[in-house]
């Protein structure tokens, strides 16, 4: 299962993805839903489906395919706004909601609902007017390689050092209209250089990282953003029969792998 947080958040909390459910105070366009409860019900059911799929694979296919199966989770790394205990706890709480909820999903009842009330942490991408990292094409994403290393080390310490495959790591830019613009991406080269170095440092610290996959090979269709977000190592000219052109980042990655 790939990034359940995204379609749970979009489909049952914000109401901006299928099936478009949420509370009216979250989005007046939602035909129905409960943003405080339904995301947890959806997460619970998705875990049950995932468990059945894993069971099926391990019993029927793994004996001869010798493959592995897991779940793909997405998360920011949250940094306390200050050293105040309240900020430290808020950062941990935010991480638990985005990353840890699949590990310890609460049963949904009136008692838990009251406990969850007002437990949301206030989030910001800046401190004293300075962003945590350089902005990207997505307003919620900033370049912060240290966060990747910290999240990997946290996963090792919190979840008994599982084998990790980084299945998506990339950066997007918008308003790309020409081949020259699309293929000249030194920022992406710098992004991968710094993030791969962060992964190396995590491995040195004992994290069991087995793979790293750039996101993505081609400029792809990105959820509600369509083709406006350019994540690829290869530029796709949609005005000329989908011709493909290597970006500088693709050539850099080729050299890196060699």
C-alpha atoms as a PDB file:
ATOM      1  CA  UNK A   1       0.000   0.000   0.000  1.00  0.00           C
ATOM      2  CA  UNK A   2       1.435   3.343  -1.059  1.00  0.00           C
ATOM      3  CA  UNK A   3       1.155   6.415   1.166  1.00  0.00           C
ATOM      4  CA  UNK A   4      -2.178   5.732   2.905  1.00  0.00           C
ATOM      5  CA  UNK A   5      -1.793   9.029   4.768  1.00  0.00           C
ATOM      6  CA  UNK A   6      -2.259  10.967   1.530  1.00  0.00           C
ATOM      7  CA  UNK A   7      -5.560   9.462   0.443  1.00  0.00           C
ATOM      8  CA  UNK A   8      -6.858   9.234   4.010  1.00  0.00           C
ATOM      9  CA  UNK A   9      -6.112  12.928   4.547  1.00  0.00           C
ATOM     10  CA  UNK A  10      -7.423  13.967   1.137  1.00  0.00           C
ATOM     11  CA  UNK A  11     -10.421  11.645   1.041  1.00  0.00           C
ATOM     12  CA  UNK A  12     -11.687  11.622   4.623  1.00  0.00           C
ATOM     13  CA  UNK A  13     -10.263  14.716   6.337  1.00  0.00           C
ATOM     14  CA  UNK A  14      -9.892  17.545   3.790  1.00  0.00           C
ATOM     15  CA  UNK A  15     -12.419  16.206   1.285  1.00  0.00           C
ATOM     16  CA  UNK A  16     -10.308  17.118  -1.757  1.00  0.00           C
ATOM     17  CA  UNK A  17      -9.780  13.558  -3.058  1.00  0.00           C
ATOM     18  CA  UNK A  18     -12.098  10.605  -3.593  1.00  0.00           C
ATOM     19  CA  UNK A  19     -14.475   9.873  -1.952  1.00  0.00           C
ATOM     20  CA  UNK A  20     -14.555  13.537  -0.916  1.00  0.00           C
ATOM     21  CA  UNK A  21     -15.730  13.151   2.671  1.00  0.00           C
ATOM     22  CA  UNK A  22     -15.065  15.570   5.539  1.00  0.00           C
ATOM     23  CA  UNK A  23     -16.730  17.686   8.209  1.00  0.00           C
ATOM     24  CA  UNK A  24     -18.529  20.834   7.100  1.00  0.00           C
ATOM     25  CA  UNK A  25     -16.179  22.962   9.207  1.00  0.00           C
ATOM     26  CA  UNK A  26     -13.298  21.589   7.149  1.00  0.00           C
ATOM     27  CA  UNK A  27     -14.853  22.000   3.696  1.00  0.00           C
ATOM     28  CA  UNK A  28     -18.383  23.178   2.914  1.00  0.00           C
ATOM     29  CA  UNK A  29     -18.343  21.294  -0.399  1.00  0.00           C
ATOM     30  CA  UNK A  30     -18.223  17.868   1.271  1.00  0.00           C
ATOM     31  CA  UNK A  31     -21.530  15.970   0.969  1.00  0.00           C
ATOM     32  CA  UNK A  32     -20.908  14.308   4.331  1.00  0.00           C
ATOM     33  CA  UNK A  33     -18.296  12.877   6.646  1.00  0.00           C
ATOM     34  CA  UNK A  34     -16.505  13.400   9.950  1.00  0.00           C
ATOM     35  CA  UNK A  35     -12.920  14.656   9.807  1.00  0.00           C
ATOM     36  CA  UNK A  36     -12.311  13.755  13.454  1.00  0.00           C
ATOM     37  CA  UNK A  37     -13.312  10.086  13.179  1.00  0.00           C
ATOM     38  CA  UNK A  38     -13.486   8.777   9.601  1.00  0.00           C
ATOM     39  CA  UNK A  39      -9.733   9.097   8.872  1.00  0.00           C
ATOM     40  CA  UNK A  40      -9.071   6.607  11.679  1.00  0.00           C
ATOM     41  CA  UNK A  41     -11.784   4.237  10.479  1.00  0.00           C
ATOM     42  CA  UNK A  42     -10.329   4.406   6.968  1.00  0.00           C
ATOM     43  CA  UNK A  43      -6.825   3.815   8.303  1.00  0.00           C
ATOM     44  CA  UNK A  44      -7.997   0.823  10.333  1.00  0.00           C
ATOM     45  CA  UNK A  45      -9.711  -0.768   7.323  1.00  0.00           C
ATOM     46  CA  UNK A  46      -6.725  -0.088   5.076  1.00  0.00           C
ATOM     47  CA  UNK A  47      -4.444  -1.857   7.540  1.00  0.00           C
ATOM     48  CA  UNK A  48      -6.784  -4.861   7.547  1.00  0.00           C
ATOM     49  CA  UNK A  49      -6.700  -4.952   3.733  1.00  0.00           C
ATOM     50  CA  UNK A  50      -2.927  -4.577   3.758  1.00  0.00           C
ATOM     51  CA  UNK A  51      -2.569  -7.417   6.266  1.00  0.00           C
ATOM     52  CA  UNK A  52      -4.668  -9.753   4.118  1.00  0.00           C
ATOM     53  CA  UNK A  53      -2.624  -8.877   1.033  1.00  0.00           C
ATOM     54  CA  UNK A  54       0.655  -9.492   2.848  1.00  0.00           C
ATOM     55  CA  UNK A  55      -0.651 -12.828   4.122  1.00  0.00           C
ATOM     56  CA  UNK A  56      -1.695 -13.858   0.611  1.00  0.00           C
ATOM     57  CA  UNK A  57       1.660 -12.894  -0.862  1.00  0.00           C
ATOM     58  CA  UNK A  58       3.712 -14.661   1.780  1.00  0.00           C
ATOM     59  CA  UNK A  59       1.695 -17.872   1.514  1.00  0.00           C
ATOM     60  CA  UNK A  60       1.178 -18.075  -2.257  1.00  0.00           C
ATOM     61  CA  UNK A  61       3.908 -16.135  -4.032  1.00  0.00           C
ATOM     62  CA  UNK A  62       6.913 -15.561  -1.775  1.00  0.00           C
ATOM     63  CA  UNK A  63       8.051 -19.224  -1.732  1.00  0.00           C
ATOM     64  CA  UNK A  64       9.030 -19.063  -5.416  1.00  0.00           C
ATOM     65  CA  UNK A  65       9.352 -15.318  -6.049  1.00  0.00           C
ATOM     66  CA  UNK A  66      11.557 -14.768  -2.978  1.00  0.00           C
ATOM     67  CA  UNK A  67      10.280 -11.189  -2.802  1.00  0.00           C
ATOM     68  CA  UNK A  68       9.474  -8.787   0.003  1.00  0.00           C
ATOM     69  CA  UNK A  69       6.309  -6.851   0.699  1.00  0.00           C
ATOM     70  CA  UNK A  70       5.754  -3.852   2.930  1.00  0.00           C
ATOM     71  CA  UNK A  71       3.914  -0.582   3.346  1.00  0.00           C
ATOM     72  CA  UNK A  72       5.049   2.814   2.041  1.00  0.00           C
ATOM     73  CA  UNK A  73       4.633   5.596   4.596  1.00  0.00           C
ATOM     74  CA  UNK A  74       5.143   9.301   4.020  1.00  0.00           C
ATOM     75  CA  UNK A  75       6.095  11.873   6.622  1.00  0.00           C
ATOM     76  CA  UNK A  76       7.670  15.228   7.229  1.00  0.00           C
ATOM     77  CA  UNK A  77      10.365  15.517   9.860  1.00  0.00           C
ATOM     78  CA  UNK A  78       9.124  17.921  12.526  1.00  0.00           C
ATOM     79  CA  UNK A  79      11.573  20.228  14.318  1.00  0.00           C
ATOM     80  CA  UNK A  80      10.537  21.898  17.604  1.00  0.00           C
ATOM     81  CA  UNK A  81      10.038  25.644  17.179  1.00  0.00           C
ATOM     82  CA  UNK A  82      12.085  26.200  20.324  1.00  0.00           C
ATOM     83  CA  UNK A  83      13.618  24.192  23.159  1.00  0.00           C
ATOM     84  CA  UNK A  84      10.525  24.742  25.290  1.00  0.00           C
ATOM     85  CA  UNK A  85       9.047  21.456  26.480  1.00  0.00           C
ATOM     86  CA  UNK A  86       5.682  22.339  24.932  1.00  0.00           C
ATOM     87  CA  UNK A  87       7.307  22.764  21.496  1.00  0.00           C
ATOM     88  CA  UNK A  88       9.302  19.545  21.838  1.00  0.00           C
ATOM     89  CA  UNK A  89       6.127  17.636  22.706  1.00  0.00           C
ATOM     90  CA  UNK A  90       4.234  19.312  19.858  1.00  0.00           C
ATOM     91  CA  UNK A  91       6.849  18.197  17.321  1.00  0.00           C
ATOM     92  CA  UNK A  92       6.643  14.621  18.588  1.00  0.00           C
ATOM     93  CA  UNK A  93       2.849  14.741  18.529  1.00  0.00           C
ATOM     94  CA  UNK A  94       2.855  15.956  14.924  1.00  0.00           C
ATOM     95  CA  UNK A  95       5.212  13.122  13.959  1.00  0.00           C
ATOM     96  CA  UNK A  96       2.988  10.605  15.729  1.00  0.00           C
ATOM     97  CA  UNK A  97      -0.078  11.818  13.833  1.00  0.00           C
ATOM     98  CA  UNK A  98       1.587  11.736  10.408  1.00  0.00           C
ATOM     99  CA  UNK A  99       4.037   8.849  10.745  1.00  0.00           C
ATOM    100  CA  UNK A 100       3.236   6.824  13.831  1.00  0.00           C
ATOM    101  CA  UNK A 101      -0.527   6.473  13.494  1.00  0.00           C
ATOM    102  CA  UNK A 102      -0.239   3.372  11.302  1.00  0.00           C
ATOM    103  CA  UNK A 103       1.767   1.659  14.017  1.00  0.00           C
ATOM    104  CA  UNK A 104      -0.649   2.373  16.856  1.00  0.00           C
ATOM    105  CA  UNK A 105      -3.970   3.250  15.267  1.00  0.00           C
ATOM    106  CA  UNK A 106      -6.476   3.948  18.057  1.00  0.00           C
ATOM    107  CA  UNK A 107      -9.816   2.231  18.328  1.00  0.00           C
ATOM    108  CA  UNK A 108     -12.492   4.775  17.467  1.00  0.00           C
ATOM    109  CA  UNK A 109     -14.997   5.422  20.245  1.00  0.00           C
ATOM    110  CA  UNK A 110     -16.328   8.367  22.225  1.00  0.00           C
ATOM    111  CA  UNK A 111     -13.560   8.099  24.826  1.00  0.00           C
ATOM    112  CA  UNK A 112     -10.789   8.276  22.238  1.00  0.00           C
ATOM    113  CA  UNK A 113     -12.581  11.076  20.424  1.00  0.00           C
ATOM    114  CA  UNK A 114     -12.481  13.202  23.572  1.00  0.00           C
ATOM    115  CA  UNK A 115      -8.790  12.405  24.082  1.00  0.00           C
ATOM    116  CA  UNK A 116      -7.944  13.410  20.522  1.00  0.00           C
ATOM    117  CA  UNK A 117      -9.730  16.754  20.817  1.00  0.00           C
ATOM    118  CA  UNK A 118      -7.354  19.747  20.703  1.00  0.00           C
ATOM    119  CA  UNK A 119      -4.303  17.486  20.401  1.00  0.00           C
ATOM    120  CA  UNK A 120      -3.243  18.878  17.025  1.00  0.00           C
ATOM    121  CA  UNK A 121       0.123  20.655  16.944  1.00  0.00           C
ATOM    122  CA  UNK A 122       0.450  24.070  15.326  1.00  0.00           C
ATOM    123  CA  UNK A 123       2.775  23.736  12.327  1.00  0.00           C
ATOM    124  CA  UNK A 124       4.919  26.272  10.499  1.00  0.00           C
ATOM    125  CA  UNK A 125       7.621  26.099   7.821  1.00  0.00           C
ATOM    126  CA  UNK A 126       9.560  29.068   9.155  1.00  0.00           C
ATOM    127  CA  UNK A 127      11.168  30.439  12.288  1.00  0.00           C
ATOM    128  CA  UNK A 128      11.727  34.167  12.775  1.00  0.00           C
ATOM    129  CA  UNK A 129      10.833  34.773   9.139  1.00  0.00           C
ATOM    130  CA  UNK A 130      13.318  32.217   7.790  1.00  0.00           C
ATOM    131  CA  UNK A 131      12.138  29.041   6.037  1.00  0.00           C
ATOM    132  CA  UNK A 132      13.522  25.690   7.160  1.00  0.00           C
ATOM    133  CA  UNK A 133      14.895  25.147   3.640  1.00  0.00           C
ATOM    134  CA  UNK A 134      14.646  26.290   0.035  1.00  0.00           C
ATOM    135  CA  UNK A 135      11.091  26.234  -1.388  1.00  0.00           C
ATOM    136  CA  UNK A 136      10.010  23.840  -4.147  1.00  0.00           C
ATOM    137  CA  UNK A 137       7.090  23.604  -6.554  1.00  0.00           C
ATOM    138  CA  UNK A 138       4.875  22.276  -3.746  1.00  0.00           C
ATOM    139  CA  UNK A 139       4.049  24.950  -1.187  1.00  0.00           C
ATOM    140  CA  UNK A 140       4.258  22.445   1.690  1.00  0.00           C
ATOM    141  CA  UNK A 141       7.661  21.010   0.701  1.00  0.00           C
ATOM    142  CA  UNK A 142      11.034  22.532   1.549  1.00  0.00           C
ATOM    143  CA  UNK A 143      14.524  21.170   0.965  1.00  0.00           C
ATOM    144  CA  UNK A 144      15.803  19.845   4.298  1.00  0.00           C
ATOM    145  CA  UNK A 145      18.134  16.827   3.876  1.00  0.00           C
ATOM    146  CA  UNK A 146      18.823  16.674   7.609  1.00  0.00           C
ATOM    147  CA  UNK A 147      15.171  15.792   8.093  1.00  0.00           C
ATOM    148  CA  UNK A 148      15.552  12.649   5.975  1.00  0.00           C
ATOM    149  CA  UNK A 149      18.542  11.493   7.999  1.00  0.00           C
ATOM    150  CA  UNK A 150      16.782  12.247  11.284  1.00  0.00           C
ATOM    151  CA  UNK A 151      13.626  10.408  10.208  1.00  0.00           C
ATOM    152  CA  UNK A 152      15.644   7.349   9.186  1.00  0.00           C
ATOM    153  CA  UNK A 153      17.501   7.269  12.503  1.00  0.00           C
ATOM    154  CA  UNK A 154      14.223   7.798  14.384  1.00  0.00           C
ATOM    155  CA  UNK A 155      12.679   4.845  12.520  1.00  0.00           C
ATOM    156  CA  UNK A 156      15.627   2.662  13.476  1.00  0.00           C
ATOM    157  CA  UNK A 157      15.346   3.591  17.142  1.00  0.00           C
ATOM    158  CA  UNK A 158      11.545   3.561  17.381  1.00  0.00           C
ATOM    159  CA  UNK A 159      10.694   0.489  15.293  1.00  0.00           C
ATOM    160  CA  UNK A 160      13.564  -1.955  15.945  1.00  0.00           C
ATOM    161  CA  UNK A 161      15.626  -1.081  12.868  1.00  0.00           C
ATOM    162  CA  UNK A 162      13.429  -2.384  10.029  1.00  0.00           C
ATOM    163  CA  UNK A 163      14.730  -2.786   6.492  1.00  0.00           C
ATOM    164  CA  UNK A 164      13.958   0.457   4.663  1.00  0.00           C
ATOM    165  CA  UNK A 165      13.517   1.227   0.979  1.00  0.00           C
ATOM    166  CA  UNK A 166      13.165   4.926   0.211  1.00  0.00           C
ATOM    167  CA  UNK A 167      10.615   4.552  -2.573  1.00  0.00           C
ATOM    168  CA  UNK A 168      10.080   8.223  -3.408  1.00  0.00           C
ATOM    169  CA  UNK A 169      12.536  11.072  -2.967  1.00  0.00           C
ATOM    170  CA  UNK A 170      12.377  14.025  -5.301  1.00  0.00           C
ATOM    171  CA  UNK A 171      11.714  17.681  -5.924  1.00  0.00           C
ATOM    172  CA  UNK A 172       9.302  19.474  -8.243  1.00  0.00           C
ATOM    173  CA  UNK A 173       9.167  22.811  -9.988  1.00  0.00           C
ATOM    174  CA  UNK A 174       6.311  24.561 -11.763  1.00  0.00           C
ATOM    175  CA  UNK A 175       5.924  26.941 -14.707  1.00  0.00           C
ATOM    176  CA  UNK A 176       8.246  24.878 -16.911  1.00  0.00           C
ATOM    177  CA  UNK A 177       7.247  25.696 -20.502  1.00  0.00           C
ATOM    178  CA  UNK A 178      10.327  25.036 -22.682  1.00  0.00           C
ATOM    179  CA  UNK A 179      12.773  22.188 -23.231  1.00  0.00           C
ATOM    180  CA  UNK A 180      15.631  24.435 -22.121  1.00  0.00           C
ATOM    181  CA  UNK A 181      13.856  25.225 -18.854  1.00  0.00           C
ATOM    182  CA  UNK A 182      12.837  21.631 -18.342  1.00  0.00           C
ATOM    183  CA  UNK A 183      16.271  20.088 -18.824  1.00  0.00           C
ATOM    184  CA  UNK A 184      18.349  22.661 -16.940  1.00  0.00           C
ATOM    185  CA  UNK A 185      17.782  21.625 -13.315  1.00  0.00           C
ATOM    186  CA  UNK A 186      20.892  22.248 -11.178  1.00  0.00           C
ATOM    187  CA  UNK A 187      18.650  22.575  -8.099  1.00  0.00           C
ATOM    188  CA  UNK A 188      17.549  18.963  -8.552  1.00  0.00           C
ATOM    189  CA  UNK A 189      21.151  17.812  -8.885  1.00  0.00           C
ATOM    190  CA  UNK A 190      21.967  19.567  -5.615  1.00  0.00           C
ATOM    191  CA  UNK A 191      18.843  18.074  -4.013  1.00  0.00           C
ATOM    192  CA  UNK A 192      19.842  14.497  -4.824  1.00  0.00           C
ATOM    193  CA  UNK A 193      23.480  15.021  -3.920  1.00  0.00           C
ATOM    194  CA  UNK A 194      22.551  16.335  -0.472  1.00  0.00           C
ATOM    195  CA  UNK A 195      19.818  13.783   0.224  1.00  0.00           C
ATOM    196  CA  UNK A 196      21.941  10.823  -0.834  1.00  0.00           C
ATOM    197  CA  UNK A 197      24.653  12.106   1.485  1.00  0.00           C
ATOM    198  CA  UNK A 198      22.060  12.241   4.274  1.00  0.00           C
ATOM    199  CA  UNK A 199      21.137   8.614   3.548  1.00  0.00           C
ATOM    200  CA  UNK A 200      24.818   7.661   3.662  1.00  0.00           C
ATOM    201  CA  UNK A 201      25.134   9.279   7.087  1.00  0.00           C
ATOM    202  CA  UNK A 202      22.060   7.362   8.286  1.00  0.00           C
ATOM    203  CA  UNK A 203      23.548   4.086   7.062  1.00  0.00           C
ATOM    204  CA  UNK A 204      26.767   4.938   8.897  1.00  0.00           C
ATOM    205  CA  UNK A 205      24.616   5.321  12.020  1.00  0.00           C
ATOM    206  CA  UNK A 206      23.329   1.783  11.542  1.00  0.00           C
ATOM    207  CA  UNK A 207      20.044   2.358   9.687  1.00  0.00           C
ATOM    208  CA  UNK A 208      19.199  -0.614   7.438  1.00  0.00           C
ATOM    209  CA  UNK A 209      18.558   1.258   4.173  1.00  0.00           C
ATOM    210  CA  UNK A 210      18.524  -1.165   1.224  1.00  0.00           C
ATOM    211  CA  UNK A 211      17.344   1.062  -1.622  1.00  0.00           C
ATOM    212  CA  UNK A 212      16.772   4.622  -2.823  1.00  0.00           C
ATOM    213  CA  UNK A 213      14.401   5.472  -5.674  1.00  0.00           C
ATOM    214  CA  UNK A 214      14.242   8.970  -7.187  1.00  0.00           C
ATOM    215  CA  UNK A 215      10.802  10.461  -7.712  1.00  0.00           C
ATOM    216  CA  UNK A 216      10.455  10.243 -10.517  1.00  0.00           C
ATOM    217  CA  UNK A 217      11.899   8.860 -13.750  1.00  0.00           C
ATOM    218  CA  UNK A 218       9.573  10.942 -15.952  1.00  0.00           C
ATOM    219  CA  UNK A 219       7.553  14.087 -15.365  1.00  0.00           C
ATOM    220  CA  UNK A 220       4.378  12.424 -14.131  1.00  0.00           C
ATOM    221  CA  UNK A 221       0.715  13.024 -13.348  1.00  0.00           C
ATOM    222  CA  UNK A 222       0.605  14.240  -9.751  1.00  0.00           C
ATOM    223  CA  UNK A 223      -2.800  13.759  -8.105  1.00  0.00           C
ATOM    224  CA  UNK A 224      -4.852  16.977  -8.261  1.00  0.00           C
ATOM    225  CA  UNK A 225      -1.845  18.905  -9.629  1.00  0.00           C
ATOM    226  CA  UNK A 226      -1.951  17.022 -12.917  1.00  0.00           C
ATOM    227  CA  UNK A 227       1.089  17.709 -15.094  1.00  0.00           C
ATOM    228  CA  UNK A 228       1.907  21.064 -13.498  1.00  0.00           C
ATOM    229  CA  UNK A 229       4.489  19.569 -11.111  1.00  0.00           C
ATOM    230  CA  UNK A 230       7.711  18.437 -12.786  1.00  0.00           C
ATOM    231  CA  UNK A 231       9.381  15.794 -10.623  1.00  0.00           C
ATOM    232  CA  UNK A 232      11.130  13.760 -13.292  1.00  0.00           C
ATOM    233  CA  UNK A 233      14.743  13.117 -14.182  1.00  0.00           C
ATOM    234  CA  UNK A 234      13.518  13.063 -17.774  1.00  0.00           C
ATOM    235  CA  UNK A 235      11.616  15.967 -19.327  1.00  0.00           C
ATOM    236  CA  UNK A 236       8.476  15.104 -21.310  1.00  0.00           C
ATOM    237  CA  UNK A 237       7.553  17.538 -24.087  1.00  0.00           C
ATOM    238  CA  UNK A 238       3.756  17.316 -24.092  1.00  0.00           C
ATOM    239  CA  UNK A 239       3.551  19.756 -26.995  1.00  0.00           C
ATOM    240  CA  UNK A 240       5.554  17.484 -29.320  1.00  0.00           C
ATOM    241  CA  UNK A 241       4.323  13.884 -29.224  1.00  0.00           C
ATOM    242  CA  UNK A 242       5.616  13.283 -25.682  1.00  0.00           C
ATOM    243  CA  UNK A 243       9.274  13.359 -26.715  1.00  0.00           C
ATOM    244  CA  UNK A 244      11.648  12.741 -23.821  1.00  0.00           C
ATOM    245  CA  UNK A 245      14.859  14.592 -22.965  1.00  0.00           C
ATOM    246  CA  UNK A 246      17.421  13.844 -20.283  1.00  0.00           C
ATOM    247  CA  UNK A 247      17.684  16.550 -17.668  1.00  0.00           C
ATOM    248  CA  UNK A 248      21.009  17.491 -16.107  1.00  0.00           C
ATOM    249  CA  UNK A 249      19.871  15.567 -13.045  1.00  0.00           C
ATOM    250  CA  UNK A 250      19.451  12.375 -15.100  1.00  0.00           C
ATOM    251  CA  UNK A 251      22.993  12.689 -16.446  1.00  0.00           C
ATOM    252  CA  UNK A 252      24.262  13.374 -12.925  1.00  0.00           C
ATOM    253  CA  UNK A 253      22.440  10.324 -11.582  1.00  0.00           C
ATOM    254  CA  UNK A 254      23.883   8.147 -14.338  1.00  0.00           C
ATOM    255  CA  UNK A 255      27.387   9.282 -13.431  1.00  0.00           C
ATOM    256  CA  UNK A 256      26.669   8.795  -9.730  1.00  0.00           C
ATOM    257  CA  UNK A 257      25.531   5.202 -10.275  1.00  0.00           C
ATOM    258  CA  UNK A 258      28.568   4.396 -12.398  1.00  0.00           C
END
